[in-house]
Amino acid sequence: MPSASDHLREKMLSYFGDPIDDAGPAKFLRSCGWTEDRDVWSAPLHRETTSKEWDCMQFLVDEWDHGFRGRP
């Protein structure tokens, strides 16, 4: 069930122009080196994760029930 906070939805609106769509956050994460396997995301190795990346990851987990397993 969708449960992202209003604040997080506002961030997605400001980042991608839509408060609930998953395409923008997913495309952004892939462009930053994140990988996805069956809606479970892994962060890239050898660098710190940005706050925008964490916002996107949290949104996908909260709103779209994606998973996160950390670094591959």
C-alpha atoms as a PDB file:
ATOM      1  CA  MET A   1       0.000   0.000   0.000  1.00  0.00           C
ATOM      2  CA  PRO A   2       1.456   3.416  -0.930  1.00  0.00           C
ATOM      3  CA  SER A   3       2.783   5.150   2.146  1.00  0.00           C
ATOM      4  CA  ALA A   4       5.401   7.724   1.158  1.00  0.00           C
ATOM      5  CA  SER A   5       5.186  10.879   3.233  1.00  0.00           C
ATOM      6  CA  ASP A   6       3.813  14.098   1.768  1.00  0.00           C
ATOM      7  CA  HIS A   7       7.278  15.596   2.226  1.00  0.00           C
ATOM      8  CA  LEU A   8       8.885  12.820   0.173  1.00  0.00           C
ATOM      9  CA  ARG A   9       6.219  13.147  -2.515  1.00  0.00           C
ATOM     10  CA  GLU A  10       6.936  16.895  -2.655  1.00  0.00           C
ATOM     11  CA  LYS A  11      10.611  16.106  -3.218  1.00  0.00           C
ATOM     12  CA  MET A  12       9.735  13.744  -6.092  1.00  0.00           C
ATOM     13  CA  LEU A  13       7.560  16.500  -7.589  1.00  0.00           C
ATOM     14  CA  SER A  14      10.449  18.968  -7.408  1.00  0.00           C
ATOM     15  CA  TYR A  15      13.001  16.466  -8.728  1.00  0.00           C
ATOM     16  CA  PHE A  16      10.953  14.835 -11.498  1.00  0.00           C
ATOM     17  CA  GLY A  17       7.727  16.784 -12.002  1.00  0.00           C
ATOM     18  CA  ASP A  18       5.448  14.074 -10.612  1.00  0.00           C
ATOM     19  CA  PRO A  19       4.793  13.271  -6.934  1.00  0.00           C
ATOM     20  CA  ILE A  20       3.951   9.570  -7.311  1.00  0.00           C
ATOM     21  CA  ASP A  21       5.439   8.172 -10.537  1.00  0.00           C
ATOM     22  CA  ASP A  22       8.264   5.663 -10.102  1.00  0.00           C
ATOM     23  CA  ALA A  23       9.856   6.148 -13.553  1.00  0.00           C
ATOM     24  CA  GLY A  24      11.819   9.317 -12.700  1.00  0.00           C
ATOM     25  CA  PRO A  25      13.360   8.027  -9.471  1.00  0.00           C
ATOM     26  CA  ALA A  26      14.188   4.637 -11.033  1.00  0.00           C
ATOM     27  CA  LYS A  27      15.804   6.225 -14.100  1.00  0.00           C
ATOM     28  CA  PHE A  28      17.802   8.587 -11.879  1.00  0.00           C
ATOM     29  CA  LEU A  29      19.083   5.760  -9.670  1.00  0.00           C
ATOM     30  CA  ARG A  30      20.144   3.710 -12.697  1.00  0.00           C
ATOM     31  CA  SER A  31      21.995   6.759 -14.077  1.00  0.00           C
ATOM     32  CA  CYS A  32      23.892   6.923 -10.775  1.00  0.00           C
ATOM     33  CA  GLY A  33      25.002   3.299 -11.009  1.00  0.00           C
ATOM     34  CA  TRP A  34      22.340   1.637  -8.890  1.00  0.00           C
ATOM     35  CA  THR A  35      21.209  -1.798 -10.041  1.00  0.00           C
ATOM     36  CA  GLU A  36      17.803  -3.414  -9.801  1.00  0.00           C
ATOM     37  CA  ASP A  37      16.839  -7.063  -9.739  1.00  0.00           C
ATOM     38  CA  ARG A  38      13.107  -7.799  -9.442  1.00  0.00           C
ATOM     39  CA  ASP A  39      12.377  -4.462  -7.738  1.00  0.00           C
ATOM     40  CA  VAL A  40      15.227  -4.919  -5.232  1.00  0.00           C
ATOM     41  CA  TRP A  41      17.829  -2.156  -5.532  1.00  0.00           C
ATOM     42  CA  SER A  42      21.545  -2.209  -4.761  1.00  0.00           C
ATOM     43  CA  ALA A  43      23.705   0.881  -4.321  1.00  0.00           C
ATOM     44  CA  PRO A  44      26.896   1.325  -6.346  1.00  0.00           C
ATOM     45  CA  LEU A  45      30.220   0.408  -4.814  1.00  0.00           C
ATOM     46  CA  HIS A  46      33.100   2.706  -3.859  1.00  0.00           C
ATOM     47  CA  ARG A  47      31.315   5.990  -3.289  1.00  0.00           C
ATOM     48  CA  GLU A  48      28.987   7.711  -0.882  1.00  0.00           C
ATOM     49  CA  THR A  49      25.286   7.792  -1.694  1.00  0.00           C
ATOM     50  CA  THR A  50      23.852  11.288  -2.209  1.00  0.00           C
ATOM     51  CA  SER A  51      20.833  12.612  -0.332  1.00  0.00           C
ATOM     52  CA  LYS A  52      18.843  12.694  -3.598  1.00  0.00           C
ATOM     53  CA  GLU A  53      19.647   9.026  -4.176  1.00  0.00           C
ATOM     54  CA  TRP A  54      18.459   8.163  -0.648  1.00  0.00           C
ATOM     55  CA  ASP A  55      15.290  10.212  -1.192  1.00  0.00           C
ATOM     56  CA  CYS A  56      14.581   8.273  -4.394  1.00  0.00           C
ATOM     57  CA  MET A  57      15.335   4.932  -2.783  1.00  0.00           C
ATOM     58  CA  GLN A  58      13.134   5.712   0.228  1.00  0.00           C
ATOM     59  CA  PHE A  59      10.330   6.817  -2.096  1.00  0.00           C
ATOM     60  CA  LEU A  60      10.491   3.599  -4.129  1.00  0.00           C
ATOM     61  CA  VAL A  61      10.459   1.521  -0.935  1.00  0.00           C
ATOM     62  CA  ASP A  62       7.631   3.459   0.741  1.00  0.00           C
ATOM     63  CA  GLU A  63       5.403   4.233  -2.234  1.00  0.00           C
ATOM     64  CA  TRP A  64       6.046   1.293  -4.551  1.00  0.00           C
ATOM     65  CA  ASP A  65       7.140  -1.532  -2.195  1.00  0.00           C
ATOM     66  CA  HIS A  66      10.546  -1.905  -3.822  1.00  0.00           C
ATOM     67  CA  GLY A  67      13.305  -3.519  -1.818  1.00  0.00           C
ATOM     68  CA  PHE A  68      16.788  -2.384  -0.894  1.00  0.00           C
ATOM     69  CA  ARG A  69      19.640  -4.699  -0.025  1.00  0.00           C
ATOM     70  CA  GLY A  70      22.520  -2.264   0.187  1.00  0.00           C
ATOM     71  CA  ARG A  71      25.617  -2.625  -1.880  1.00  0.00           C
ATOM     72  CA  PRO A  72      25.999  -5.634  -4.212  1.00  0.00           C
END
